[in-house]
Amino acid sequence: MGVRAVNLRELSTESREVLNDLPRFKLDHQYFRANRDALLRDHDGEWVAVYKQAVISAHRDRERVIRDLEERGLRPSAAAIRLVTSKQRLYFF
């Protein structure tokens, strides 16, 4: 099993859009780290959607954030969405 190059024309339109969005998506995720204190102050306990390095939706209900994005004509996968919380999260493996 190896890695093979993929011709971008072979990808679906949505896959091409996701690939094209990766640099911006990375910046949107970096926004969370860079603005952690302000996000905690303003949105603690909320799901926050960041798109083009700006908060475009925030709500305690994640599904409401997704509906907001869809109402704006955005794919939910186009935005960086995270739960902003000051509470420590435990992970079990």
C-alpha atoms as a PDB file:
ATOM      1  CA  MET A   1       0.000   0.000   0.000  1.00  0.00           C
ATOM      2  CA  GLY A   2       1.518   3.276  -1.046  1.00  0.00           C
ATOM      3  CA  VAL A   3       0.735   6.886  -1.590  1.00  0.00           C
ATOM      4  CA  ARG A   4      -0.337   7.983  -5.023  1.00  0.00           C
ATOM      5  CA  ALA A   5      -0.667  11.432  -6.470  1.00  0.00           C
ATOM      6  CA  VAL A   6      -4.217  12.502  -7.207  1.00  0.00           C
ATOM      7  CA  ASN A   7      -5.180  14.679 -10.111  1.00  0.00           C
ATOM      8  CA  LEU A   8      -7.323  17.500  -8.702  1.00  0.00           C
ATOM      9  CA  ARG A   9      -9.719  17.099 -11.615  1.00  0.00           C
ATOM     10  CA  GLU A  10     -10.506  13.598 -10.303  1.00  0.00           C
ATOM     11  CA  LEU A  11     -11.859  15.008  -7.043  1.00  0.00           C
ATOM     12  CA  SER A  12     -15.457  15.974  -6.422  1.00  0.00           C
ATOM     13  CA  THR A  13     -16.318  19.665  -6.366  1.00  0.00           C
ATOM     14  CA  GLU A  14     -16.736  19.552  -2.580  1.00  0.00           C
ATOM     15  CA  SER A  15     -13.335  17.870  -2.126  1.00  0.00           C
ATOM     16  CA  ARG A  16     -11.683  20.557  -4.265  1.00  0.00           C
ATOM     17  CA  GLU A  17     -13.392  23.274  -2.211  1.00  0.00           C
ATOM     18  CA  VAL A  18     -12.140  21.689   1.022  1.00  0.00           C
ATOM     19  CA  LEU A  19      -8.584  21.497  -0.325  1.00  0.00           C
ATOM     20  CA  ASN A  20      -8.729  25.108  -1.465  1.00  0.00           C
ATOM     21  CA  ASP A  21     -10.033  26.139   1.972  1.00  0.00           C
ATOM     22  CA  LEU A  22      -7.215  24.458   3.944  1.00  0.00           C
ATOM     23  CA  PRO A  23      -4.912  27.508   4.274  1.00  0.00           C
ATOM     24  CA  ARG A  24      -7.799  29.710   5.484  1.00  0.00           C
ATOM     25  CA  PHE A  25      -9.118  26.911   7.697  1.00  0.00           C
ATOM     26  CA  LYS A  26      -5.706  26.647   9.376  1.00  0.00           C
ATOM     27  CA  LEU A  27      -5.750  30.396  10.081  1.00  0.00           C
ATOM     28  CA  ASP A  28      -9.255  30.091  11.514  1.00  0.00           C
ATOM     29  CA  HIS A  29      -8.067  27.398  13.937  1.00  0.00           C
ATOM     30  CA  GLN A  30      -5.085  29.550  14.893  1.00  0.00           C
ATOM     31  CA  TYR A  31      -7.574  32.327  15.673  1.00  0.00           C
ATOM     32  CA  PHE A  32      -8.917  30.218  18.541  1.00  0.00           C
ATOM     33  CA  ARG A  33      -5.465  29.980  20.128  1.00  0.00           C
ATOM     34  CA  ALA A  34      -4.557  33.615  19.534  1.00  0.00           C
ATOM     35  CA  ASN A  35      -7.855  34.904  20.956  1.00  0.00           C
ATOM     36  CA  ARG A  36      -8.461  32.358  23.705  1.00  0.00           C
ATOM     37  CA  ASP A  37      -8.867  34.881  26.537  1.00  0.00           C
ATOM     38  CA  ALA A  38     -11.361  37.059  24.655  1.00  0.00           C
ATOM     39  CA  LEU A  39     -13.305  34.018  23.460  1.00  0.00           C
ATOM     40  CA  LEU A  40     -13.505  32.666  27.006  1.00  0.00           C
ATOM     41  CA  ARG A  41     -14.658  36.048  28.298  1.00  0.00           C
ATOM     42  CA  ASP A  42     -17.349  36.468  25.641  1.00  0.00           C
ATOM     43  CA  HIS A  43     -18.352  32.881  24.785  1.00  0.00           C
ATOM     44  CA  ASP A  44     -17.533  30.531  27.680  1.00  0.00           C
ATOM     45  CA  GLY A  45     -19.717  27.443  27.338  1.00  0.00           C
ATOM     46  CA  GLU A  46     -20.703  28.191  23.740  1.00  0.00           C
ATOM     47  CA  TRP A  47     -19.966  26.585  20.411  1.00  0.00           C
ATOM     48  CA  VAL A  48     -18.166  29.168  18.313  1.00  0.00           C
ATOM     49  CA  ALA A  49     -17.807  29.240  14.528  1.00  0.00           C
ATOM     50  CA  VAL A  50     -14.867  31.166  13.086  1.00  0.00           C
ATOM     51  CA  TYR A  51     -14.686  31.953   9.383  1.00  0.00           C
ATOM     52  CA  LYS A  52     -12.041  34.173   7.796  1.00  0.00           C
ATOM     53  CA  GLN A  53     -10.622  34.849  11.264  1.00  0.00           C
ATOM     54  CA  ALA A  54     -13.843  36.281  12.663  1.00  0.00           C
ATOM     55  CA  VAL A  55     -16.523  34.867  14.952  1.00  0.00           C
ATOM     56  CA  ILE A  56     -19.605  34.485  12.789  1.00  0.00           C
ATOM     57  CA  SER A  57     -21.798  32.466  15.143  1.00  0.00           C
ATOM     58  CA  ALA A  58     -21.855  31.457  18.795  1.00  0.00           C
ATOM     59  CA  HIS A  59     -24.484  29.554  20.722  1.00  0.00           C
ATOM     60  CA  ARG A  60     -24.765  26.981  23.500  1.00  0.00           C
ATOM     61  CA  ASP A  61     -26.458  24.642  21.005  1.00  0.00           C
ATOM     62  CA  ARG A  62     -24.032  23.327  18.366  1.00  0.00           C
ATOM     63  CA  GLU A  63     -26.896  22.581  15.967  1.00  0.00           C
ATOM     64  CA  ARG A  64     -27.954  26.255  16.132  1.00  0.00           C
ATOM     65  CA  VAL A  65     -24.439  27.280  15.064  1.00  0.00           C
ATOM     66  CA  ILE A  66     -24.609  24.857  12.132  1.00  0.00           C
ATOM     67  CA  ARG A  67     -28.021  26.238  11.102  1.00  0.00           C
ATOM     68  CA  ASP A  68     -26.594  29.774  11.284  1.00  0.00           C
ATOM     69  CA  LEU A  69     -23.814  28.791   8.891  1.00  0.00           C
ATOM     70  CA  GLU A  70     -26.223  27.131   6.483  1.00  0.00           C
ATOM     71  CA  GLU A  71     -28.485  30.194   6.570  1.00  0.00           C
ATOM     72  CA  ARG A  72     -25.438  32.261   5.551  1.00  0.00           C
ATOM     73  CA  GLY A  73     -24.897  29.904   2.623  1.00  0.00           C
ATOM     74  CA  LEU A  74     -21.772  28.320   4.145  1.00  0.00           C
ATOM     75  CA  ARG A  75     -20.963  24.640   4.440  1.00  0.00           C
ATOM     76  CA  PRO A  76     -20.484  23.859   8.141  1.00  0.00           C
ATOM     77  CA  SER A  77     -17.174  22.216   7.190  1.00  0.00           C
ATOM     78  CA  ALA A  78     -15.975  25.583   5.835  1.00  0.00           C
ATOM     79  CA  ALA A  79     -15.815  27.125   9.316  1.00  0.00           C
ATOM     80  CA  ALA A  80     -13.733  26.172  12.318  1.00  0.00           C
ATOM     81  CA  ILE A  81     -16.214  25.198  15.043  1.00  0.00           C
ATOM     82  CA  ARG A  82     -15.176  24.584  18.638  1.00  0.00           C
ATOM     83  CA  LEU A  83     -16.668  24.471  22.087  1.00  0.00           C
ATOM     84  CA  VAL A  84     -15.127  27.347  24.038  1.00  0.00           C
ATOM     85  CA  THR A  85     -14.928  26.394  27.693  1.00  0.00           C
ATOM     86  CA  SER A  86     -12.900  27.210  30.755  1.00  0.00           C
ATOM     87  CA  LYS A  87     -13.735  23.773  32.196  1.00  0.00           C
ATOM     88  CA  GLN A  88     -11.078  21.104  31.975  1.00  0.00           C
ATOM     89  CA  ARG A  89     -12.029  18.300  29.623  1.00  0.00           C
ATOM     90  CA  LEU A  90     -11.186  14.699  30.376  1.00  0.00           C
ATOM     91  CA  TYR A  91     -10.352  12.270  27.593  1.00  0.00           C
ATOM     92  CA  PHE A  92     -10.644   8.507  27.989  1.00  0.00           C
ATOM     93  CA  PHE A  93      -8.843   6.165  25.640  1.00  0.00           C
END
